[in-house]
Amino acid sequence: MPEQLINGYQMHYEVYGQGQPLVMIHGGLGGGEGCAAFVDHHASTLSRQFKLIVYDRRAAG
């Protein structure tokens, strides 16, 4: 998983596909596992039309 240092925080992210950017932001009370399952299920479809950007939100997984 690629990473980028942003404001002192090492952020991990994934990029799929091409086109207009679509940033996936996980939230709610669940951890990153729920977001990972969603991305695994939908990334192939969404990345046909969008540049799908998924990141590991700070302190969430």
PDB file of N, CA and C in Angstrom:
ATOM      1  N   MET A   1       0.862  -1.171   0.000  1.00  0.00           N
ATOM      2  CA  MET A   1       0.000   0.000   0.000  1.00  0.00           C
ATOM      3  C   MET A   1       0.906   1.229   0.000  1.00  0.00           C
ATOM      4  N   PRO A   2       0.765   2.112  -0.986  1.00  0.00           N
ATOM      5  CA  PRO A   2       1.585   3.332  -1.017  1.00  0.00           C
ATOM      6  C   PRO A   2       1.303   4.202   0.203  1.00  0.00           C
ATOM      7  N   GLU A   3       2.233   5.080   0.500  1.00  0.00           N
ATOM      8  CA  GLU A   3       2.030   6.000   1.619  1.00  0.00           C
ATOM      9  C   GLU A   3       2.622   7.361   1.286  1.00  0.00           C
ATOM     10  N   GLN A   4       2.109   8.368   1.977  1.00  0.00           N
ATOM     11  CA  GLN A   4       2.538   9.748   1.778  1.00  0.00           C
ATOM     12  C   GLN A   4       2.574  10.433   3.132  1.00  0.00           C
ATOM     13  N   LEU A   5       3.632  11.192   3.400  1.00  0.00           N
ATOM     14  CA  LEU A   5       3.733  11.956   4.638  1.00  0.00           C
ATOM     15  C   LEU A   5       2.991  13.278   4.452  1.00  0.00           C
ATOM     16  N   ILE A   6       1.939  13.490   5.258  1.00  0.00           N
ATOM     17  CA  ILE A   6       1.122  14.704   5.171  1.00  0.00           C
ATOM     18  C   ILE A   6       0.989  15.284   6.575  1.00  0.00           C
ATOM     19  N   ASN A   7       1.508  16.486   6.778  1.00  0.00           N
ATOM     20  CA  ASN A   7       1.440  17.157   8.087  1.00  0.00           C
ATOM     21  C   ASN A   7       1.930  16.257   9.220  1.00  0.00           C
ATOM     22  N   GLY A   8       3.014  15.537   8.987  1.00  0.00           N
ATOM     23  CA  GLY A   8       3.593  14.688  10.010  1.00  0.00           C
ATOM     24  C   GLY A   8       2.918  13.341  10.184  1.00  0.00           C
ATOM     25  N   TYR A   9       1.918  13.046   9.383  1.00  0.00           N
ATOM     26  CA  TYR A   9       1.192  11.782   9.475  1.00  0.00           C
ATOM     27  C   TYR A   9       1.480  10.939   8.239  1.00  0.00           C
ATOM     28  N   GLN A  10       1.883   9.697   8.435  1.00  0.00           N
ATOM     29  CA  GLN A  10       2.154   8.786   7.329  1.00  0.00           C
ATOM     30  C   GLN A  10       0.826   8.185   6.877  1.00  0.00           C
ATOM     31  N   MET A  11       0.290   8.651   5.749  1.00  0.00           N
ATOM     32  CA  MET A  11      -1.014   8.212   5.258  1.00  0.00           C
ATOM     33  C   MET A  11      -0.838   7.112   4.217  1.00  0.00           C
ATOM     34  N   HIS A  12      -1.566   6.005   4.406  1.00  0.00           N
ATOM     35  CA  HIS A  12      -1.579   4.906   3.450  1.00  0.00           C
ATOM     36  C   HIS A  12      -2.792   5.069   2.543  1.00  0.00           C
ATOM     37  N   TYR A  13      -2.631   4.721   1.275  1.00  0.00           N
ATOM     38  CA  TYR A  13      -3.727   4.894   0.331  1.00  0.00           C
ATOM     39  C   TYR A  13      -3.605   3.902  -0.822  1.00  0.00           C
ATOM     40  N   GLU A  14      -4.689   3.755  -1.572  1.00  0.00           N
ATOM     41  CA  GLU A  14      -4.723   2.946  -2.793  1.00  0.00           C
ATOM     42  C   GLU A  14      -5.419   3.770  -3.867  1.00  0.00           C
ATOM     43  N   VAL A  15      -5.011   3.596  -5.112  1.00  0.00           N
ATOM     44  CA  VAL A  15      -5.639   4.274  -6.250  1.00  0.00           C
ATOM     45  C   VAL A  15      -5.981   3.209  -7.282  1.00  0.00           C
ATOM     46  N   TYR A  16      -7.231   3.245  -7.771  1.00  0.00           N
ATOM     47  CA  TYR A  16      -7.701   2.299  -8.774  1.00  0.00           C
ATOM     48  C   TYR A  16      -8.286   3.078  -9.945  1.00  0.00           C
ATOM     49  N   GLY A  17      -8.038   2.658 -11.164  1.00  0.00           N
ATOM     50  CA  GLY A  17      -8.695   3.209 -12.340  1.00  0.00           C
ATOM     51  C   GLY A  17      -8.208   4.579 -12.764  1.00  0.00           C
ATOM     52  N   GLN A  18      -8.983   5.163 -13.694  1.00  0.00           N
ATOM     53  CA  GLN A  18      -8.690   6.471 -14.261  1.00  0.00           C
ATOM     54  C   GLN A  18      -9.994   7.248 -14.375  1.00  0.00           C
ATOM     55  N   GLY A  19      -9.894   8.518 -14.701  1.00  0.00           N
ATOM     56  CA  GLY A  19     -11.082   9.350 -14.868  1.00  0.00           C
ATOM     57  C   GLY A  19     -11.202  10.378 -13.760  1.00  0.00           C
ATOM     58  N   GLN A  20     -12.428  10.844 -13.548  1.00  0.00           N
ATOM     59  CA  GLN A  20     -12.686  11.828 -12.499  1.00  0.00           C
ATOM     60  C   GLN A  20     -12.407  11.186 -11.139  1.00  0.00           C
ATOM     61  N   PRO A  21     -11.764  11.921 -10.219  1.00  0.00           N
ATOM     62  CA  PRO A  21     -11.453  11.334  -8.914  1.00  0.00           C
ATOM     63  C   PRO A  21     -12.706  11.123  -8.062  1.00  0.00           C
ATOM     64  N   LEU A  22     -12.727  10.000  -7.386  1.00  0.00           N
ATOM     65  CA  LEU A  22     -13.769   9.675  -6.420  1.00  0.00           C
ATOM     66  C   LEU A  22     -13.048   9.199  -5.164  1.00  0.00           C
ATOM     67  N   VAL A  23     -13.140   9.974  -4.083  1.00  0.00           N
ATOM     68  CA  VAL A  23     -12.445   9.647  -2.838  1.00  0.00           C
ATOM     69  C   VAL A  23     -13.402   8.892  -1.927  1.00  0.00           C
ATOM     70  N   MET A  24     -12.983   7.713  -1.500  1.00  0.00           N
ATOM     71  CA  MET A  24     -13.777   6.901  -0.580  1.00  0.00           C
ATOM     72  C   MET A  24     -13.314   7.235   0.838  1.00  0.00           C
ATOM     73  N   ILE A  25     -14.244   7.696   1.674  1.00  0.00           N
ATOM     74  CA  ILE A  25     -13.933   8.061   3.057  1.00  0.00           C
ATOM     75  C   ILE A  25     -14.756   7.161   3.971  1.00  0.00           C
ATOM     76  N   HIS A  26     -14.078   6.316   4.739  1.00  0.00           N
ATOM     77  CA  HIS A  26     -14.839   5.464   5.648  1.00  0.00           C
ATOM     78  C   HIS A  26     -15.142   6.237   6.920  1.00  0.00           C
ATOM     79  N   GLY A  27     -16.255   5.908   7.509  1.00  0.00           N
ATOM     80  CA  GLY A  27     -16.674   6.616   8.717  1.00  0.00           C
ATOM     81  C   GLY A  27     -17.616   5.762   9.534  1.00  0.00           C
ATOM     82  N   GLY A  28     -18.330   6.402  10.401  1.00  0.00           N
ATOM     83  CA  GLY A  28     -19.242   5.675  11.262  1.00  0.00           C
ATOM     84  C   GLY A  28     -18.512   5.048  12.429  1.00  0.00           C
ATOM     85  N   LEU A  29     -19.153   4.088  13.054  1.00  0.00           N
ATOM     86  CA  LEU A  29     -18.598   3.465  14.249  1.00  0.00           C
ATOM     87  C   LEU A  29     -17.746   2.246  13.944  1.00  0.00           C
ATOM     88  N   GLY A  30     -17.777   1.778  12.714  1.00  0.00           N
ATOM     89  CA  GLY A  30     -17.000   0.595  12.357  1.00  0.00           C
ATOM     90  C   GLY A  30     -15.554   0.935  12.072  1.00  0.00           C
ATOM     91  N   GLY A  31     -14.744  -0.080  12.004  1.00  0.00           N
ATOM     92  CA  GLY A  31     -13.337   0.103  11.679  1.00  0.00           C
ATOM     93  C   GLY A  31     -13.110   0.052  10.183  1.00  0.00           C
ATOM     94  N   GLY A  32     -11.862  -0.002   9.799  1.00  0.00           N
ATOM     95  CA  GLY A  32     -11.495  -0.036   8.394  1.00  0.00           C
ATOM     96  C   GLY A  32     -11.902  -1.305   7.684  1.00  0.00           C
ATOM     97  N   GLU A  33     -12.214  -2.377   8.444  1.00  0.00           N
ATOM     98  CA  GLU A  33     -12.582  -3.638   7.813  1.00  0.00           C
ATOM     99  C   GLU A  33     -13.835  -3.492   6.965  1.00  0.00           C
ATOM    100  N   GLY A  34     -14.807  -2.720   7.446  1.00  0.00           N
ATOM    101  CA  GLY A  34     -16.034  -2.510   6.686  1.00  0.00           C
ATOM    102  C   GLY A  34     -15.767  -1.778   5.391  1.00  0.00           C
ATOM    103  N   CYS A  35     -14.898  -0.785   5.442  1.00  0.00           N
ATOM    104  CA  CYS A  35     -14.535  -0.036   4.240  1.00  0.00           C
ATOM    105  C   CYS A  35     -13.769  -0.934   3.280  1.00  0.00           C
ATOM    106  N   ALA A  36     -12.862  -1.739   3.808  1.00  0.00           N
ATOM    107  CA  ALA A  36     -12.075  -2.635   2.957  1.00  0.00           C
ATOM    108  C   ALA A  36     -12.981  -3.621   2.234  1.00  0.00           C
ATOM    109  N   ALA A  37     -13.977  -4.148   2.927  1.00  0.00           N
ATOM    110  CA  ALA A  37     -14.911  -5.076   2.299  1.00  0.00           C
ATOM    111  C   ALA A  37     -15.707  -4.375   1.203  1.00  0.00           C
ATOM    112  N   PHE A  38     -16.138  -3.142   1.454  1.00  0.00           N
ATOM    113  CA  PHE A  38     -16.877  -2.371   0.454  1.00  0.00           C
ATOM    114  C   PHE A  38     -16.013  -2.125  -0.772  1.00  0.00           C
ATOM    115  N   VAL A  39     -14.776  -1.696  -0.548  1.00  0.00           N
ATOM    116  CA  VAL A  39     -13.863  -1.413  -1.660  1.00  0.00           C
ATOM    117  C   VAL A  39     -13.594  -2.686  -2.446  1.00  0.00           C
ATOM    118  N   ASP A  40     -13.315  -3.791  -1.752  1.00  0.00           N
ATOM    119  CA  ASP A  40     -13.069  -5.058  -2.441  1.00  0.00           C
ATOM    120  C   ASP A  40     -14.249  -5.431  -3.327  1.00  0.00           C
ATOM    121  N   HIS A  41     -15.441  -5.178  -2.847  1.00  0.00           N
ATOM    122  CA  HIS A  41     -16.646  -5.547  -3.585  1.00  0.00           C
ATOM    123  C   HIS A  41     -16.918  -4.619  -4.771  1.00  0.00           C
ATOM    124  N   HIS A  42     -16.654  -3.315  -4.626  1.00  0.00           N
ATOM    125  CA  HIS A  42     -17.061  -2.336  -5.630  1.00  0.00           C
ATOM    126  C   HIS A  42     -15.929  -1.715  -6.451  1.00  0.00           C
ATOM    127  N   ALA A  43     -14.677  -1.923  -6.080  1.00  0.00           N
ATOM    128  CA  ALA A  43     -13.564  -1.238  -6.755  1.00  0.00           C
ATOM    129  C   ALA A  43     -13.502  -1.543  -8.240  1.00  0.00           C
ATOM    130  N   SER A  44     -13.709  -2.779  -8.633  1.00  0.00           N
ATOM    131  CA  SER A  44     -13.592  -3.108 -10.056  1.00  0.00           C
ATOM    132  C   SER A  44     -14.655  -2.389 -10.880  1.00  0.00           C
ATOM    133  N   THR A  45     -15.853  -2.244 -10.341  1.00  0.00           N
ATOM    134  CA  THR A  45     -16.924  -1.549 -11.061  1.00  0.00           C
ATOM    135  C   THR A  45     -16.687  -0.043 -11.079  1.00  0.00           C
ATOM    136  N   LEU A  46     -16.414   0.548  -9.918  1.00  0.00           N
ATOM    137  CA  LEU A  46     -16.238   1.998  -9.830  1.00  0.00           C
ATOM    138  C   LEU A  46     -15.006   2.479 -10.591  1.00  0.00           C
ATOM    139  N   SER A  47     -13.948   1.670 -10.611  1.00  0.00           N
ATOM    140  CA  SER A  47     -12.708   2.101 -11.262  1.00  0.00           C
ATOM    141  C   SER A  47     -12.802   2.090 -12.785  1.00  0.00           C
ATOM    142  N   ARG A  48     -13.861   1.541 -13.336  1.00  0.00           N
ATOM    143  CA  ARG A  48     -14.063   1.618 -14.794  1.00  0.00           C
ATOM    144  C   ARG A  48     -14.412   3.035 -15.227  1.00  0.00           C
ATOM    145  N   GLN A  49     -15.031   3.787 -14.335  1.00  0.00           N
ATOM    146  CA  GLN A  49     -15.482   5.138 -14.669  1.00  0.00           C
ATOM    147  C   GLN A  49     -14.725   6.220 -13.896  1.00  0.00           C
ATOM    148  N   PHE A  50     -14.191   5.893 -12.728  1.00  0.00           N
ATOM    149  CA  PHE A  50     -13.570   6.888 -11.863  1.00  0.00           C
ATOM    150  C   PHE A  50     -12.136   6.510 -11.513  1.00  0.00           C
ATOM    151  N   LYS A  51     -11.375   7.500 -11.094  1.00  0.00           N
ATOM    152  CA  LYS A  51     -10.094   7.267 -10.435  1.00  0.00           C
ATOM    153  C   LYS A  51     -10.442   7.156  -8.955  1.00  0.00           C
ATOM    154  N   LEU A  52     -10.537   5.949  -8.465  1.00  0.00           N
ATOM    155  CA  LEU A  52     -10.984   5.668  -7.111  1.00  0.00           C
ATOM    156  C   LEU A  52      -9.802   5.788  -6.153  1.00  0.00           C
ATOM    157  N   ILE A  53      -9.928   6.659  -5.158  1.00  0.00           N
ATOM    158  CA  ILE A  53      -8.868   6.897  -4.177  1.00  0.00           C
ATOM    159  C   ILE A  53      -9.409   6.495  -2.806  1.00  0.00           C
ATOM    160  N   VAL A  54      -8.717   5.554  -2.174  1.00  0.00           N
ATOM    161  CA  VAL A  54      -9.122   5.039  -0.869  1.00  0.00           C
ATOM    162  C   VAL A  54      -7.952   5.242   0.081  1.00  0.00           C
ATOM    163  N   TYR A  55      -8.198   5.799   1.258  1.00  0.00           N
ATOM    164  CA  TYR A  55      -7.095   6.010   2.192  1.00  0.00           C
ATOM    165  C   TYR A  55      -7.439   5.459   3.569  1.00  0.00           C
ATOM    166  N   ASP A  56      -6.409   5.180   4.328  1.00  0.00           N
ATOM    167  CA  ASP A  56      -6.546   4.678   5.689  1.00  0.00           C
ATOM    168  C   ASP A  56      -6.661   5.879   6.616  1.00  0.00           C
ATOM    169  N   ARG A  57      -7.885   6.165   7.044  1.00  0.00           N
ATOM    170  CA  ARG A  57      -8.132   7.335   7.881  1.00  0.00           C
ATOM    171  C   ARG A  57      -7.388   7.233   9.204  1.00  0.00           C
ATOM    172  N   ARG A  58      -6.848   8.320   9.638  1.00  0.00           N
ATOM    173  CA  ARG A  58      -6.052   8.387  10.866  1.00  0.00           C
ATOM    174  C   ARG A  58      -6.833   7.852  12.066  1.00  0.00           C
ATOM    175  N   ALA A  59      -6.175   6.995  12.831  1.00  0.00           N
ATOM    176  CA  ALA A  59      -6.723   6.407  14.064  1.00  0.00           C
ATOM    177  C   ALA A  59      -7.981   5.581  13.818  1.00  0.00           C
ATOM    178  N   ALA A  60      -8.147   5.055  12.604  1.00  0.00           N
ATOM    179  CA  ALA A  60      -9.343   4.275  12.298  1.00  0.00           C
ATOM    180  C   ALA A  60      -9.013   2.899  11.725  1.00  0.00           C
ATOM    181  N   GLY A  61      -7.807   2.444  11.860  1.00  0.00           N
ATOM    182  CA  GLY A  61      -7.548   1.104  11.341  1.00  0.00           C
ATOM    183  C   GLY A  61      -6.149   0.836  10.966  1.00  0.00           C
TER     184      GLY A  61
END
